[in-house]
């Protein structure tokens, strides 16, 4: 088993920060609008399941 080191940060906050840093037109390398839409759909579905 390989241990992967990572920083404990809020994923959605980091994604938003990444987008804001690229508002100047720089090419998005790790995420784009499609990824954001997919994440939003997953979060909405998860919230709906928790409510039921």
PDB file of N, CA and C in Angstrom:
ATOM      1  N   UNK A   1       0.836  -1.158   0.000  1.00  0.00           N
ATOM      2  CA  UNK A   1       0.000   0.000   0.000  1.00  0.00           C
ATOM      3  C   UNK A   1       0.891   1.234   0.000  1.00  0.00           C
ATOM      4  N   UNK A   2       0.529   2.209  -0.836  1.00  0.00           N
ATOM      5  CA  UNK A   2       1.281   3.450  -0.932  1.00  0.00           C
ATOM      6  C   UNK A   2       0.523   4.556  -0.224  1.00  0.00           C
ATOM      7  N   UNK A   3       1.202   5.274   0.640  1.00  0.00           N
ATOM      8  CA  UNK A   3       0.585   6.395   1.350  1.00  0.00           C
ATOM      9  C   UNK A   3       0.774   7.653   0.508  1.00  0.00           C
ATOM     10  N   UNK A   4      -0.312   8.335   0.244  1.00  0.00           N
ATOM     11  CA  UNK A   4      -0.273   9.559  -0.554  1.00  0.00           C
ATOM     12  C   UNK A   4      -0.425  10.743   0.385  1.00  0.00           C
ATOM     13  N   UNK A   5       0.536  11.640   0.363  1.00  0.00           N
ATOM     14  CA  UNK A   5       0.469  12.838   1.194  1.00  0.00           C
ATOM     15  C   UNK A   5      -0.400  13.885   0.509  1.00  0.00           C
ATOM     16  N   UNK A   6      -1.191  14.577   1.301  1.00  0.00           N
ATOM     17  CA  UNK A   6      -2.045  15.627   0.763  1.00  0.00           C
ATOM     18  C   UNK A   6      -2.304  16.658   1.855  1.00  0.00           C
ATOM     19  N   UNK A   7      -2.678  17.834   1.415  1.00  0.00           N
ATOM     20  CA  UNK A   7      -3.021  18.891   2.354  1.00  0.00           C
ATOM     21  C   UNK A   7      -4.518  18.808   2.641  1.00  0.00           C
ATOM     22  N   UNK A   8      -4.891  18.996   3.887  1.00  0.00           N
ATOM     23  CA  UNK A   8      -6.299  18.956   4.246  1.00  0.00           C
ATOM     24  C   UNK A   8      -6.925  20.311   3.947  1.00  0.00           C
ATOM     25  N   UNK A   9      -7.575  20.410   2.800  1.00  0.00           N
ATOM     26  CA  UNK A   9      -8.230  21.636   2.361  1.00  0.00           C
ATOM     27  C   UNK A   9      -9.645  21.290   1.922  1.00  0.00           C
ATOM     28  N   UNK A  10     -10.494  22.298   1.875  1.00  0.00           N
ATOM     29  CA  UNK A  10     -11.868  22.102   1.439  1.00  0.00           C
ATOM     30  C   UNK A  10     -11.875  21.990  -0.095  1.00  0.00           C
ATOM     31  N   UNK A  11     -12.268  20.851  -0.654  1.00  0.00           N
ATOM     32  CA  UNK A  11     -12.192  20.636  -2.095  1.00  0.00           C
ATOM     33  C   UNK A  11     -12.934  21.667  -2.938  1.00  0.00           C
ATOM     34  N   UNK A  12     -14.157  22.006  -2.553  1.00  0.00           N
ATOM     35  CA  UNK A  12     -14.914  22.959  -3.365  1.00  0.00           C
ATOM     36  C   UNK A  12     -14.316  24.353  -3.289  1.00  0.00           C
ATOM     37  N   UNK A  13     -13.790  24.721  -2.135  1.00  0.00           N
ATOM     38  CA  UNK A  13     -13.122  26.023  -1.996  1.00  0.00           C
ATOM     39  C   UNK A  13     -11.882  26.080  -2.877  1.00  0.00           C
ATOM     40  N   UNK A  14     -11.145  24.996  -2.915  1.00  0.00           N
ATOM     41  CA  UNK A  14      -9.939  24.934  -3.748  1.00  0.00           C
ATOM     42  C   UNK A  14     -10.294  24.993  -5.233  1.00  0.00           C
ATOM     43  N   UNK A  15     -11.373  24.330  -5.614  1.00  0.00           N
ATOM     44  CA  UNK A  15     -11.795  24.371  -7.014  1.00  0.00           C
ATOM     45  C   UNK A  15     -12.228  25.775  -7.405  1.00  0.00           C
ATOM     46  N   UNK A  16     -12.973  26.443  -6.532  1.00  0.00           N
ATOM     47  CA  UNK A  16     -13.394  27.815  -6.798  1.00  0.00           C
ATOM     48  C   UNK A  16     -12.182  28.732  -6.912  1.00  0.00           C
ATOM     49  N   UNK A  17     -11.230  28.575  -6.011  1.00  0.00           N
ATOM     50  CA  UNK A  17     -10.005  29.369  -6.047  1.00  0.00           C
ATOM     51  C   UNK A  17      -9.273  29.155  -7.377  1.00  0.00           C
ATOM     52  N   UNK A  18      -9.222  27.917  -7.821  1.00  0.00           N
ATOM     53  CA  UNK A  18      -8.564  27.588  -9.090  1.00  0.00           C
ATOM     54  C   UNK A  18      -9.242  28.310 -10.258  1.00  0.00           C
ATOM     55  N   UNK A  19     -10.586  28.279 -10.285  1.00  0.00           N
ATOM     56  CA  UNK A  19     -11.310  28.956 -11.357  1.00  0.00           C
ATOM     57  C   UNK A  19     -11.061  30.459 -11.324  1.00  0.00           C
ATOM     58  N   UNK A  20     -11.113  31.050 -10.145  1.00  0.00           N
ATOM     59  CA  UNK A  20     -10.897  32.494 -10.020  1.00  0.00           C
ATOM     60  C   UNK A  20      -9.504  32.868 -10.516  1.00  0.00           C
ATOM     61  N   UNK A  21      -8.523  32.045 -10.227  1.00  0.00           N
ATOM     62  CA  UNK A  21      -7.156  32.320 -10.662  1.00  0.00           C
ATOM     63  C   UNK A  21      -7.002  32.221 -12.181  1.00  0.00           C
ATOM     64  N   UNK A  22      -7.992  31.630 -12.864  1.00  0.00           N
ATOM     65  CA  UNK A  22      -7.907  31.466 -14.312  1.00  0.00           C
ATOM     66  C   UNK A  22      -8.940  32.297 -15.069  1.00  0.00           C
ATOM     67  N   UNK A  23      -9.525  33.284 -14.407  1.00  0.00           N
ATOM     68  CA  UNK A  23     -10.504  34.136 -15.078  1.00  0.00           C
ATOM     69  C   UNK A  23      -9.879  35.025 -16.148  1.00  0.00           C
ATOM     70  N   UNK A  24      -8.560  35.095 -16.173  1.00  0.00           N
ATOM     71  CA  UNK A  24      -7.866  35.913 -17.168  1.00  0.00           C
ATOM     72  C   UNK A  24      -7.780  35.224 -18.527  1.00  0.00           C
ATOM     73  N   UNK A  25      -8.375  34.030 -18.626  1.00  0.00           N
ATOM     74  CA  UNK A  25      -8.366  33.317 -19.898  1.00  0.00           C
ATOM     75  C   UNK A  25      -7.336  32.207 -19.965  1.00  0.00           C
ATOM     76  N   UNK A  26      -6.571  32.032 -18.901  1.00  0.00           N
ATOM     77  CA  UNK A  26      -5.581  30.953 -18.876  1.00  0.00           C
ATOM     78  C   UNK A  26      -6.302  29.607 -19.022  1.00  0.00           C
ATOM     79  N   UNK A  27      -5.666  28.689 -19.708  1.00  0.00           N
ATOM     80  CA  UNK A  27      -6.256  27.379 -19.957  1.00  0.00           C
ATOM     81  C   UNK A  27      -6.368  26.599 -18.653  1.00  0.00           C
ATOM     82  N   UNK A  28      -7.547  26.030 -18.421  1.00  0.00           N
ATOM     83  CA  UNK A  28      -7.757  25.201 -17.238  1.00  0.00           C
ATOM     84  C   UNK A  28      -7.130  23.840 -17.469  1.00  0.00           C
ATOM     85  N   UNK A  29      -6.265  23.432 -16.564  1.00  0.00           N
ATOM     86  CA  UNK A  29      -5.555  22.167 -16.728  1.00  0.00           C
ATOM     87  C   UNK A  29      -6.194  21.019 -15.942  1.00  0.00           C
ATOM     88  N   UNK A  30      -6.796  21.310 -14.791  1.00  0.00           N
ATOM     89  CA  UNK A  30      -7.282  20.215 -13.959  1.00  0.00           C
ATOM     90  C   UNK A  30      -8.795  20.156 -13.837  1.00  0.00           C
ATOM     91  N   UNK A  31      -9.491  21.193 -14.204  1.00  0.00           N
ATOM     92  CA  UNK A  31     -10.947  21.188 -14.108  1.00  0.00           C
ATOM     93  C   UNK A  31     -11.500  22.212 -15.088  1.00  0.00           C
ATOM     94  N   UNK A  32     -12.758  22.033 -15.449  1.00  0.00           N
ATOM     95  CA  UNK A  32     -13.401  22.986 -16.344  1.00  0.00           C
ATOM     96  C   UNK A  32     -14.879  23.085 -15.984  1.00  0.00           C
ATOM     97  N   UNK A  33     -15.641  23.789 -16.780  1.00  0.00           N
ATOM     98  CA  UNK A  33     -17.060  23.967 -16.502  1.00  0.00           C
ATOM     99  C   UNK A  33     -17.819  22.654 -16.454  1.00  0.00           C
ATOM    100  N   UNK A  34     -17.444  21.717 -17.297  1.00  0.00           N
ATOM    101  CA  UNK A  34     -18.112  20.410 -17.305  1.00  0.00           C
ATOM    102  C   UNK A  34     -17.877  19.685 -15.986  1.00  0.00           C
ATOM    103  N   UNK A  35     -16.663  19.743 -15.494  1.00  0.00           N
ATOM    104  CA  UNK A  35     -16.361  19.122 -14.201  1.00  0.00           C
ATOM    105  C   UNK A  35     -17.177  19.776 -13.086  1.00  0.00           C
ATOM    106  N   UNK A  36     -17.281  21.100 -13.134  1.00  0.00           N
ATOM    107  CA  UNK A  36     -18.046  21.824 -12.113  1.00  0.00           C
ATOM    108  C   UNK A  36     -19.509  21.398 -12.137  1.00  0.00           C
ATOM    109  N   UNK A  37     -20.070  21.243 -13.327  1.00  0.00           N
ATOM    110  CA  UNK A  37     -21.457  20.801 -13.461  1.00  0.00           C
ATOM    111  C   UNK A  37     -21.636  19.399 -12.898  1.00  0.00           C
ATOM    112  N   UNK A  38     -20.710  18.501 -13.196  1.00  0.00           N
ATOM    113  CA  UNK A  38     -20.788  17.132 -12.691  1.00  0.00           C
ATOM    114  C   UNK A  38     -20.721  17.098 -11.164  1.00  0.00           C
ATOM    115  N   UNK A  39     -19.832  17.901 -10.584  1.00  0.00           N
ATOM    116  CA  UNK A  39     -19.710  17.956  -9.123  1.00  0.00           C
ATOM    117  C   UNK A  39     -20.997  18.489  -8.510  1.00  0.00           C
ATOM    118  N   UNK A  40     -21.558  19.521  -9.116  1.00  0.00           N
ATOM    119  CA  UNK A  40     -22.801  20.095  -8.604  1.00  0.00           C
ATOM    120  C   UNK A  40     -23.931  19.078  -8.634  1.00  0.00           C
ATOM    121  N   UNK A  41     -24.053  18.336  -9.724  1.00  0.00           N
ATOM    122  CA  UNK A  41     -25.100  17.311  -9.826  1.00  0.00           C
ATOM    123  C   UNK A  41     -24.923  16.233  -8.750  1.00  0.00           C
ATOM    124  N   UNK A  42     -23.690  15.823  -8.533  1.00  0.00           N
ATOM    125  CA  UNK A  42     -23.411  14.799  -7.515  1.00  0.00           C
ATOM    126  C   UNK A  42     -23.798  15.316  -6.133  1.00  0.00           C
ATOM    127  N   UNK A  43     -23.447  16.568  -5.839  1.00  0.00           N
ATOM    128  CA  UNK A  43     -23.775  17.133  -4.535  1.00  0.00           C
ATOM    129  C   UNK A  43     -25.273  17.278  -4.328  1.00  0.00           C
ATOM    130  N   UNK A  44     -25.980  17.676  -5.372  1.00  0.00           N
ATOM    131  CA  UNK A  44     -27.444  17.787  -5.276  1.00  0.00           C
ATOM    132  C   UNK A  44     -28.055  16.423  -5.049  1.00  0.00           C
ATOM    133  N   UNK A  45     -27.621  15.419  -5.801  1.00  0.00           N
ATOM    134  CA  UNK A  45     -28.134  14.051  -5.628  1.00  0.00           C
ATOM    135  C   UNK A  45     -27.844  13.538  -4.221  1.00  0.00           C
ATOM    136  N   UNK A  46     -26.632  13.781  -3.733  1.00  0.00           N
ATOM    137  CA  UNK A  46     -26.270  13.308  -2.389  1.00  0.00           C
ATOM    138  C   UNK A  46     -27.126  13.994  -1.326  1.00  0.00           C
ATOM    139  N   UNK A  47     -27.341  15.298  -1.491  1.00  0.00           N
ATOM    140  CA  UNK A  47     -28.187  16.026  -0.535  1.00  0.00           C
ATOM    141  C   UNK A  47     -29.607  15.496  -0.544  1.00  0.00           C
ATOM    142  N   UNK A  48     -30.131  15.232  -1.730  1.00  0.00           N
ATOM    143  CA  UNK A  48     -31.487  14.694  -1.837  1.00  0.00           C
ATOM    144  C   UNK A  48     -31.600  13.323  -1.165  1.00  0.00           C
ATOM    145  N   UNK A  49     -30.584  12.493  -1.319  1.00  0.00           N
ATOM    146  CA  UNK A  49     -30.604  11.174  -0.703  1.00  0.00           C
ATOM    147  C   UNK A  49     -30.533  11.267   0.819  1.00  0.00           C
ATOM    148  N   UNK A  50     -29.803  12.242   1.325  1.00  0.00           N
ATOM    149  CA  UNK A  50     -29.699  12.421   2.770  1.00  0.00           C
ATOM    150  C   UNK A  50     -31.032  12.897   3.373  1.00  0.00           C
ATOM    151  N   UNK A  51     -31.790  13.656   2.593  1.00  0.00           N
ATOM    152  CA  UNK A  51     -33.076  14.158   3.068  1.00  0.00           C
ATOM    153  C   UNK A  51     -34.137  13.066   3.103  1.00  0.00           C
ATOM    154  N   UNK A  52     -33.986  12.037   2.308  1.00  0.00           N
ATOM    155  CA  UNK A  52     -34.993  10.968   2.240  1.00  0.00           C
ATOM    156  C   UNK A  52     -34.725   9.872   3.204  1.00  0.00           C
TER     157      UNK A  52
END
